[in-house]
Amino acid sequence: MDVTKFDELKNGVQEIIDLIAVKNAKEANNKLVEVSEELDEILDHTDEDEELREISKFQVLLNQLQQKIVSLQ
C-alpha cells in the first residue's frame, strides 16, 4: 500500500477541517472537491482490499465534512 497518497489525502482533509473551523465554506467546498477527485483517482487504480478499506473510510469522512460545509452556508 502506498502510504504517501493516503498521507496527502489526510493533509487535504485537515485543510478542509481547518477551513470549516474558520467558517470559510466556499474554500472548504473547493478543497473537498479536490480531495474527492484525488480519492476517485486512487480508487480507479487499486484492487487491494486494504486500500479499498482505507478509501471507504475517507469516503465516509468526506461525506460528513460535506454535510458540515452545507450547514455553514
PDB file of N, CA and C in Angstrom:
ATOM      1  N   MET A   1       0.849  -1.187   0.000  1.00  0.00           N
ATOM      2  CA  MET A   1       0.000   0.000   0.000  1.00  0.00           C
ATOM      3  C   MET A   1       0.891   1.244   0.000  1.00  0.00           C
ATOM      4  N   ASP A   2       0.582   2.172  -0.852  1.00  0.00           N
ATOM      5  CA  ASP A   2       1.344   3.405  -0.966  1.00  0.00           C
ATOM      6  C   ASP A   2       0.861   4.399   0.096  1.00  0.00           C
ATOM      7  N   VAL A   3       1.641   4.533   1.151  1.00  0.00           N
ATOM      8  CA  VAL A   3       1.245   5.364   2.283  1.00  0.00           C
ATOM      9  C   VAL A   3       1.216   6.841   1.909  1.00  0.00           C
ATOM     10  N   THR A   4       2.099   7.279   1.039  1.00  0.00           N
ATOM     11  CA  THR A   4       2.188   8.702   0.740  1.00  0.00           C
ATOM     12  C   THR A   4       0.910   9.257   0.129  1.00  0.00           C
ATOM     13  N   LYS A   5       0.232   8.484  -0.704  1.00  0.00           N
ATOM     14  CA  LYS A   5      -1.002   9.006  -1.301  1.00  0.00           C
ATOM     15  C   LYS A   5      -2.084   9.192  -0.241  1.00  0.00           C
ATOM     16  N   PHE A   6      -2.101   8.325   0.766  1.00  0.00           N
ATOM     17  CA  PHE A   6      -3.071   8.494   1.840  1.00  0.00           C
ATOM     18  C   PHE A   6      -2.661   9.624   2.782  1.00  0.00           C
ATOM     19  N   ASP A   7      -1.364   9.840   2.928  1.00  0.00           N
ATOM     20  CA  ASP A   7      -0.894  10.985   3.716  1.00  0.00           C
ATOM     21  C   ASP A   7      -1.319  12.291   3.067  1.00  0.00           C
ATOM     22  N   GLU A   8      -1.245  12.337   1.739  1.00  0.00           N
ATOM     23  CA  GLU A   8      -1.690  13.537   1.021  1.00  0.00           C
ATOM     24  C   GLU A   8      -3.185  13.762   1.226  1.00  0.00           C
ATOM     25  N   LEU A   9      -3.960  12.688   1.209  1.00  0.00           N
ATOM     26  CA  LEU A   9      -5.393  12.813   1.454  1.00  0.00           C
ATOM     27  C   LEU A   9      -5.660  13.306   2.879  1.00  0.00           C
ATOM     28  N   LYS A  10      -4.912  12.780   3.837  1.00  0.00           N
ATOM     29  CA  LYS A  10      -5.077  13.211   5.230  1.00  0.00           C
ATOM     30  C   LYS A  10      -4.790  14.694   5.365  1.00  0.00           C
ATOM     31  N   ASN A  11      -3.744  15.159   4.688  1.00  0.00           N
ATOM     32  CA  ASN A  11      -3.419  16.589   4.724  1.00  0.00           C
ATOM     33  C   ASN A  11      -4.546  17.417   4.115  1.00  0.00           C
ATOM     34  N   GLY A  12      -5.108  16.940   3.021  1.00  0.00           N
ATOM     35  CA  GLY A  12      -6.232  17.641   2.393  1.00  0.00           C
ATOM     36  C   GLY A  12      -7.445  17.683   3.296  1.00  0.00           C
ATOM     37  N   VAL A  13      -7.733  16.573   3.963  1.00  0.00           N
ATOM     38  CA  VAL A  13      -8.862  16.525   4.898  1.00  0.00           C
ATOM     39  C   VAL A  13      -8.629  17.515   6.041  1.00  0.00           C
ATOM     40  N   GLN A  14      -7.398  17.587   6.530  1.00  0.00           N
ATOM     41  CA  GLN A  14      -7.092  18.535   7.604  1.00  0.00           C
ATOM     42  C   GLN A  14      -7.302  19.967   7.146  1.00  0.00           C
ATOM     43  N   GLU A  15      -6.937  20.266   5.913  1.00  0.00           N
ATOM     44  CA  GLU A  15      -7.177  21.607   5.373  1.00  0.00           C
ATOM     45  C   GLU A  15      -8.676  21.912   5.340  1.00  0.00           C
ATOM     46  N   ILE A  16      -9.476  20.929   4.946  1.00  0.00           N
ATOM     47  CA  ILE A  16     -10.929  21.117   4.918  1.00  0.00           C
ATOM     48  C   ILE A  16     -11.435  21.418   6.320  1.00  0.00           C
ATOM     49  N   ILE A  17     -10.983  20.654   7.290  1.00  0.00           N
ATOM     50  CA  ILE A  17     -11.408  20.842   8.677  1.00  0.00           C
ATOM     51  C   ILE A  17     -11.009  22.237   9.163  1.00  0.00           C
ATOM     52  N   ASP A  18      -9.795  22.660   8.832  1.00  0.00           N
ATOM     53  CA  ASP A  18      -9.340  23.995   9.232  1.00  0.00           C
ATOM     54  C   ASP A  18     -10.201  25.082   8.602  1.00  0.00           C
ATOM     55  N   LEU A  19     -10.573  24.906   7.337  1.00  0.00           N
ATOM     56  CA  LEU A  19     -11.419  25.891   6.661  1.00  0.00           C
ATOM     57  C   LEU A  19     -12.823  25.924   7.257  1.00  0.00           C
ATOM     58  N   ILE A  20     -13.332  24.768   7.635  1.00  0.00           N
ATOM     59  CA  ILE A  20     -14.641  24.726   8.295  1.00  0.00           C
ATOM     60  C   ILE A  20     -14.567  25.450   9.637  1.00  0.00           C
ATOM     61  N   ALA A  21     -13.461  25.261  10.353  1.00  0.00           N
ATOM     62  CA  ALA A  21     -13.297  25.890  11.667  1.00  0.00           C
ATOM     63  C   ALA A  21     -13.351  27.410  11.589  1.00  0.00           C
ATOM     64  N   VAL A  22     -12.845  27.966  10.492  1.00  0.00           N
ATOM     65  CA  VAL A  22     -12.894  29.429  10.334  1.00  0.00           C
ATOM     66  C   VAL A  22     -14.099  29.862   9.502  1.00  0.00           C
ATOM     67  N   LYS A  23     -15.011  28.918   9.292  1.00  0.00           N
ATOM     68  CA  LYS A  23     -16.282  29.172   8.599  1.00  0.00           C
ATOM     69  C   LYS A  23     -16.105  29.696   7.179  1.00  0.00           C
ATOM     70  N   ASN A  24     -15.113  29.163   6.476  1.00  0.00           N
ATOM     71  CA  ASN A  24     -14.874  29.516   5.085  1.00  0.00           C
ATOM     72  C   ASN A  24     -15.451  28.389   4.214  1.00  0.00           C
ATOM     73  N   ALA A  25     -16.758  28.406   4.063  1.00  0.00           N
ATOM     74  CA  ALA A  25     -17.459  27.317   3.375  1.00  0.00           C
ATOM     75  C   ALA A  25     -17.044  27.186   1.914  1.00  0.00           C
ATOM     76  N   LYS A  26     -16.846  28.308   1.240  1.00  0.00           N
ATOM     77  CA  LYS A  26     -16.513  28.247  -0.188  1.00  0.00           C
ATOM     78  C   LYS A  26     -15.174  27.542  -0.413  1.00  0.00           C
ATOM     79  N   GLU A  27     -14.149  27.965   0.299  1.00  0.00           N
ATOM     80  CA  GLU A  27     -12.829  27.343   0.145  1.00  0.00           C
ATOM     81  C   GLU A  27     -12.836  25.894   0.641  1.00  0.00           C
ATOM     82  N   ALA A  28     -13.589  25.634   1.704  1.00  0.00           N
ATOM     83  CA  ALA A  28     -13.693  24.259   2.215  1.00  0.00           C
ATOM     84  C   ALA A  28     -14.326  23.359   1.158  1.00  0.00           C
ATOM     85  N   ASN A  29     -15.345  23.862   0.500  1.00  0.00           N
ATOM     86  CA  ASN A  29     -16.002  23.086  -0.543  1.00  0.00           C
ATOM     87  C   ASN A  29     -15.072  22.855  -1.728  1.00  0.00           C
ATOM     88  N   ASN A  30     -14.320  23.877  -2.108  1.00  0.00           N
ATOM     89  CA  ASN A  30     -13.356  23.724  -3.206  1.00  0.00           C
ATOM     90  C   ASN A  30     -12.316  22.663  -2.875  1.00  0.00           C
ATOM     91  N   LYS A  31     -11.819  22.691  -1.649  1.00  0.00           N
ATOM     92  CA  LYS A  31     -10.821  21.708  -1.232  1.00  0.00           C
ATOM     93  C   LYS A  31     -11.444  20.317  -1.163  1.00  0.00           C
ATOM     94  N   LEU A  32     -12.686  20.231  -0.732  1.00  0.00           N
ATOM     95  CA  LEU A  32     -13.395  18.953  -0.671  1.00  0.00           C
ATOM     96  C   LEU A  32     -13.495  18.338  -2.064  1.00  0.00           C
ATOM     97  N   VAL A  33     -13.811  19.141  -3.044  1.00  0.00           N
ATOM     98  CA  VAL A  33     -13.889  18.653  -4.427  1.00  0.00           C
ATOM     99  C   VAL A  33     -12.526  18.138  -4.876  1.00  0.00           C
ATOM    100  N   GLU A  34     -11.494  18.881  -4.569  1.00  0.00           N
ATOM    101  CA  GLU A  34     -10.134  18.487  -4.958  1.00  0.00           C
ATOM    102  C   GLU A  34      -9.740  17.144  -4.314  1.00  0.00           C
ATOM    103  N   VAL A  35      -9.991  17.012  -3.018  1.00  0.00           N
ATOM    104  CA  VAL A  35      -9.645  15.778  -2.311  1.00  0.00           C
ATOM    105  C   VAL A  35     -10.501  14.616  -2.821  1.00  0.00           C
ATOM    106  N   SER A  36     -11.754  14.877  -3.104  1.00  0.00           N
ATOM    107  CA  SER A  36     -12.635  13.829  -3.630  1.00  0.00           C
ATOM    108  C   SER A  36     -12.143  13.317  -4.975  1.00  0.00           C
ATOM    109  N   GLU A  37     -11.665  14.226  -5.816  1.00  0.00           N
ATOM    110  CA  GLU A  37     -11.122  13.821  -7.112  1.00  0.00           C
ATOM    111  C   GLU A  37      -9.863  12.978  -6.941  1.00  0.00           C
ATOM    112  N   GLU A  38      -9.015  13.356  -5.994  1.00  0.00           N
ATOM    113  CA  GLU A  38      -7.811  12.573  -5.714  1.00  0.00           C
ATOM    114  C   GLU A  38      -8.196  11.173  -5.236  1.00  0.00           C
ATOM    115  N   LEU A  39      -9.195  11.106  -4.370  1.00  0.00           N
ATOM    116  CA  LEU A  39      -9.658   9.821  -3.850  1.00  0.00           C
ATOM    117  C   LEU A  39     -10.223   8.956  -4.969  1.00  0.00           C
ATOM    118  N   ASP A  40     -10.982   9.555  -5.862  1.00  0.00           N
ATOM    119  CA  ASP A  40     -11.527   8.816  -7.006  1.00  0.00           C
ATOM    120  C   ASP A  40     -10.417   8.271  -7.894  1.00  0.00           C
ATOM    121  N   GLU A  41      -9.373   9.069  -8.063  1.00  0.00           N
ATOM    122  CA  GLU A  41      -8.233   8.635  -8.876  1.00  0.00           C
ATOM    123  C   GLU A  41      -7.550   7.418  -8.240  1.00  0.00           C
ATOM    124  N   ILE A  42      -7.383   7.453  -6.943  1.00  0.00           N
ATOM    125  CA  ILE A  42      -6.787   6.312  -6.239  1.00  0.00           C
ATOM    126  C   ILE A  42      -7.688   5.095  -6.376  1.00  0.00           C
ATOM    127  N   LEU A  43      -8.986   5.293  -6.223  1.00  0.00           N
ATOM    128  CA  LEU A  43      -9.950   4.194  -6.320  1.00  0.00           C
ATOM    129  C   LEU A  43      -9.900   3.543  -7.699  1.00  0.00           C
ATOM    130  N   ASP A  44      -9.741   4.352  -8.722  1.00  0.00           N
ATOM    131  CA  ASP A  44      -9.684   3.823 -10.092  1.00  0.00           C
ATOM    132  C   ASP A  44      -8.476   2.923 -10.342  1.00  0.00           C
ATOM    133  N   HIS A  45      -7.433   3.081  -9.529  1.00  0.00           N
ATOM    134  CA  HIS A  45      -6.190   2.362  -9.783  1.00  0.00           C
ATOM    135  C   HIS A  45      -5.811   1.384  -8.677  1.00  0.00           C
ATOM    136  N   THR A  46      -6.790   0.930  -7.905  1.00  0.00           N
ATOM    137  CA  THR A  46      -6.456  -0.009  -6.848  1.00  0.00           C
ATOM    138  C   THR A  46      -7.381  -1.211  -6.881  1.00  0.00           C
ATOM    139  N   ASP A  47      -6.853  -2.311  -6.402  1.00  0.00           N
ATOM    140  CA  ASP A  47      -7.669  -3.511  -6.238  1.00  0.00           C
ATOM    141  C   ASP A  47      -7.290  -4.258  -4.962  1.00  0.00           C
ATOM    142  N   GLU A  48      -6.472  -3.632  -4.142  1.00  0.00           N
ATOM    143  CA  GLU A  48      -6.071  -4.239  -2.878  1.00  0.00           C
ATOM    144  C   GLU A  48      -7.140  -3.978  -1.821  1.00  0.00           C
ATOM    145  N   ASP A  49      -7.487  -5.038  -1.086  1.00  0.00           N
ATOM    146  CA  ASP A  49      -8.530  -4.922  -0.060  1.00  0.00           C
ATOM    147  C   ASP A  49      -8.192  -3.876   0.991  1.00  0.00           C
ATOM    148  N   GLU A  50      -6.936  -3.835   1.419  1.00  0.00           N
ATOM    149  CA  GLU A  50      -6.536  -2.885   2.453  1.00  0.00           C
ATOM    150  C   GLU A  50      -6.725  -1.446   1.973  1.00  0.00           C
ATOM    151  N   GLU A  51      -6.344  -1.186   0.743  1.00  0.00           N
ATOM    152  CA  GLU A  51      -6.523   0.157   0.192  1.00  0.00           C
ATOM    153  C   GLU A  51      -8.003   0.489   0.023  1.00  0.00           C
ATOM    154  N   LEU A  52      -8.790  -0.481  -0.386  1.00  0.00           N
ATOM    155  CA  LEU A  52     -10.227  -0.242  -0.547  1.00  0.00           C
ATOM    156  C   LEU A  52     -10.885   0.103   0.789  1.00  0.00           C
ATOM    157  N   ARG A  53     -10.446  -0.548   1.851  1.00  0.00           N
ATOM    158  CA  ARG A  53     -10.973  -0.216   3.187  1.00  0.00           C
ATOM    159  C   ARG A  53     -10.596   1.207   3.573  1.00  0.00           C
ATOM    160  N   GLU A  54      -9.362   1.578   3.313  1.00  0.00           N
ATOM    161  CA  GLU A  54      -8.899   2.929   3.635  1.00  0.00           C
ATOM    162  C   GLU A  54      -9.672   3.967   2.809  1.00  0.00           C
ATOM    163  N   ILE A  55      -9.891   3.685   1.552  1.00  0.00           N
ATOM    164  CA  ILE A  55     -10.658   4.581   0.683  1.00  0.00           C
ATOM    165  C   ILE A  55     -12.076   4.752   1.215  1.00  0.00           C
ATOM    166  N   SER A  56     -12.666   3.660   1.655  1.00  0.00           N
ATOM    167  CA  SER A  56     -14.024   3.705   2.206  1.00  0.00           C
ATOM    168  C   SER A  56     -14.097   4.629   3.425  1.00  0.00           C
ATOM    169  N   LYS A  57     -13.093   4.578   4.266  1.00  0.00           N
ATOM    170  CA  LYS A  57     -13.056   5.462   5.444  1.00  0.00           C
ATOM    171  C   LYS A  57     -13.011   6.923   5.011  1.00  0.00           C
ATOM    172  N   PHE A  58     -12.192   7.212   4.013  1.00  0.00           N
ATOM    173  CA  PHE A  58     -12.106   8.587   3.516  1.00  0.00           C
ATOM    174  C   PHE A  58     -13.428   9.033   2.897  1.00  0.00           C
ATOM    175  N   GLN A  59     -14.102   8.145   2.191  1.00  0.00           N
ATOM    176  CA  GLN A  59     -15.385   8.496   1.576  1.00  0.00           C
ATOM    177  C   GLN A  59     -16.409   8.878   2.635  1.00  0.00           C
ATOM    178  N   VAL A  60     -16.463   8.116   3.705  1.00  0.00           N
ATOM    179  CA  VAL A  60     -17.397   8.417   4.804  1.00  0.00           C
ATOM    180  C   VAL A  60     -17.043   9.769   5.419  1.00  0.00           C
ATOM    181  N   LEU A  61     -15.765   9.985   5.681  1.00  0.00           N
ATOM    182  CA  LEU A  61     -15.326  11.240   6.277  1.00  0.00           C
ATOM    183  C   LEU A  61     -15.640  12.432   5.379  1.00  0.00           C
ATOM    184  N   LEU A  62     -15.379  12.297   4.094  1.00  0.00           N
ATOM    185  CA  LEU A  62     -15.666  13.394   3.166  1.00  0.00           C
ATOM    186  C   LEU A  62     -17.160  13.690   3.089  1.00  0.00           C
ATOM    187  N   ASN A  63     -17.990  12.658   3.165  1.00  0.00           N
ATOM    188  CA  ASN A  63     -19.441  12.874   3.169  1.00  0.00           C
ATOM    189  C   ASN A  63     -19.864  13.653   4.416  1.00  0.00           C
ATOM    190  N   GLN A  64     -19.287  13.320   5.551  1.00  0.00           N
ATOM    191  CA  GLN A  64     -19.611  14.039   6.781  1.00  0.00           C
ATOM    192  C   GLN A  64     -19.149  15.486   6.715  1.00  0.00           C
ATOM    193  N   LEU A  65     -17.965  15.688   6.159  1.00  0.00           N
ATOM    194  CA  LEU A  65     -17.461  17.058   6.017  1.00  0.00           C
ATOM    195  C   LEU A  65     -18.313  17.866   5.049  1.00  0.00           C
ATOM    196  N   GLN A  66     -18.788  17.212   4.000  1.00  0.00           N
ATOM    197  CA  GLN A  66     -19.663  17.901   3.036  1.00  0.00           C
ATOM    198  C   GLN A  66     -20.949  18.363   3.733  1.00  0.00           C
ATOM    199  N   GLN A  67     -21.508  17.519   4.570  1.00  0.00           N
ATOM    200  CA  GLN A  67     -22.712  17.900   5.312  1.00  0.00           C
ATOM    201  C   GLN A  67     -22.452  19.083   6.223  1.00  0.00           C
ATOM    202  N   LYS A  68     -21.281  19.111   6.841  1.00  0.00           N
ATOM    203  CA  LYS A  68     -20.914  20.221   7.722  1.00  0.00           C
ATOM    204  C   LYS A  68     -20.751  21.508   6.915  1.00  0.00           C
ATOM    205  N   ILE A  69     -20.151  21.406   5.745  1.00  0.00           N
ATOM    206  CA  ILE A  69     -19.964  22.585   4.889  1.00  0.00           C
ATOM    207  C   ILE A  69     -21.320  23.128   4.468  1.00  0.00           C
ATOM    208  N   VAL A  70     -22.231  22.249   4.089  1.00  0.00           N
ATOM    209  CA  VAL A  70     -23.574  22.683   3.677  1.00  0.00           C
ATOM    210  C   VAL A  70     -24.274  23.400   4.816  1.00  0.00           C
ATOM    211  N   SER A  71     -24.066  22.932   6.039  1.00  0.00           N
ATOM    212  CA  SER A  71     -24.724  23.572   7.192  1.00  0.00           C
ATOM    213  C   SER A  71     -24.141  24.973   7.488  1.00  0.00           C
ATOM    214  N   LEU A  72     -22.944  25.235   6.990  1.00  0.00           N
ATOM    215  CA  LEU A  72     -22.335  26.565   7.185  1.00  0.00           C
ATOM    216  C   LEU A  72     -22.938  27.599   6.240  1.00  0.00           C
ATOM    217  N   GLN A  73     -23.449  27.158   5.111  1.00  0.00           N
ATOM    218  CA  GLN A  73     -23.893  28.094   4.079  1.00  0.00           C
ATOM    219  C   GLN A  73     -25.261  28.653   4.365  1.00  0.00           C
TER     220      GLN A  73
END
